[in-house]
Protein backbone atom coordinates (compact mmCIF):
# COMPACT_ATOMS: atom_id res chain seq x y z
CA MET A 1 0.08 0.12 -0.15
CA SER A 2 1.49 3.50 -1.02
CA LYS A 3 1.53 6.74 1.21
CA LYS A 4 0.66 9.64 -0.07
CA VAL A 5 2.36 12.97 0.84
CA ARG A 6 0.64 15.88 1.63
CA SER A 7 3.66 18.01 1.96
CA VAL A 8 7.52 17.97 2.11
CA ARG A 9 9.77 20.16 3.66
CA VAL A 10 12.58 20.67 1.50
CA PRO A 11 15.58 23.00 2.61
CA LYS A 12 16.47 26.07 0.91
CA GLU A 13 20.04 24.33 0.08
CA PHE A 14 17.87 22.02 -2.75
CA GLU A 15 16.45 24.51 -4.62
CA THR A 16 19.40 24.77 -6.84
CA LEU A 17 19.51 20.61 -6.85
CA ASN A 18 19.79 19.16 -10.40
CA LEU A 19 17.03 16.79 -10.30
CA SER A 20 17.53 15.70 -13.57
CA GLY A 21 21.28 14.90 -13.07
CA MET A 22 20.26 12.82 -9.60
CA ILE A 23 17.58 10.94 -12.23
CA ARG A 24 19.72 10.09 -14.59
CA GLU A 25 22.29 8.74 -12.31
CA CYS A 26 19.33 6.33 -10.65
CA GLU A 27 18.36 5.51 -14.21
CA LYS A 28 22.38 4.50 -14.82
CA HIS A 29 22.18 2.45 -11.68
CA LEU A 30 19.06 0.89 -12.31
CA ARG A 31 20.95 -0.38 -15.52
CA ASP A 32 23.56 -1.79 -13.48
CA ILE A 33 21.56 -3.86 -11.48
CA GLU A 34 19.84 -5.32 -14.08
CA SER A 35 23.22 -6.38 -15.61
CA ALA A 36 24.03 -7.83 -12.28
CA THR A 37 21.02 -9.82 -12.75
CA LEU A 38 21.74 -11.22 -15.81
CA LEU A 39 25.10 -11.85 -14.43
CA LYS A 40 24.04 -14.02 -11.68
CA GLN A 41 21.77 -15.74 -13.83
CA GLN A 42 24.38 -16.57 -16.05
CA GLY A 43 26.37 -18.18 -13.40
CA ASN A 44 28.87 -15.41 -12.35
CA PRO A 45 27.67 -14.40 -9.12
CA ASP A 46 30.92 -12.59 -8.03
CA ALA A 47 30.80 -10.26 -11.04
CA ALA A 48 27.42 -9.54 -10.17
CA GLU A 49 28.27 -8.39 -6.52
CA ALA A 50 30.95 -6.82 -7.41
CA LEU A 51 29.31 -4.53 -10.54
CA ILE A 52 26.99 -3.60 -7.66
CA LYS A 53 29.18 -2.69 -4.84
CA ALA A 54 31.56 -0.75 -7.22
CA ARG A 55 28.38 1.03 -8.63
CA GLN A 56 26.28 1.52 -4.97
CA GLN A 57 29.49 3.82 -4.32
CA ASP A 58 29.74 5.61 -7.71
CA LEU A 59 26.17 6.41 -7.04
CA GLY A 60 26.81 8.02 -3.33
CA ARG A 61 29.31 9.92 -4.86
CA LYS A 62 27.88 11.17 -7.75
CA VAL A 63 24.59 11.84 -5.62
CA GLY A 64 26.85 13.51 -2.65
CA LYS A 65 28.21 15.90 -5.30
CA LEU A 66 25.21 16.90 -6.65
CA VAL A 67 24.09 18.05 -3.10
CA TRP A 68 27.17 19.86 -2.62
CA GLU A 69 27.07 21.90 -5.57
CA ALA A 70 23.52 22.93 -4.66
CA ARG A 71 24.59 23.78 -1.48
CA VAL A 72 27.56 25.85 -3.15
CA GLN A 73 25.01 27.29 -5.47
CA PHE A 74 22.83 28.51 -2.59
CA GLY A 75 25.71 30.09 -0.45
CA LYS A 76 26.37 31.93 -3.80
CA THR A 77 23.00 33.61 -3.99
CA ARG A 78 22.63 34.19 -0.40
CA GLY A 79 26.64 35.93 -0.37
CA ASP A 80 28.21 33.46 2.11
């Protein structure tokens, strides 16, 4: 059962967040999960796990960078 969200509080820092870039990174991550599933089905579970671990770390770095860039941009507009 899905929950409906009535309101979400988003910090001002995220007003400049590159949502398209974030979604693009998530799409790449989903493709890699599909590739890992195929590797596992083909009998190569070690390669599948290595791919997932590497991609998770990469996704974390890229999302973190997008958040950091949004905070820097927010700081520039505020005059920090």
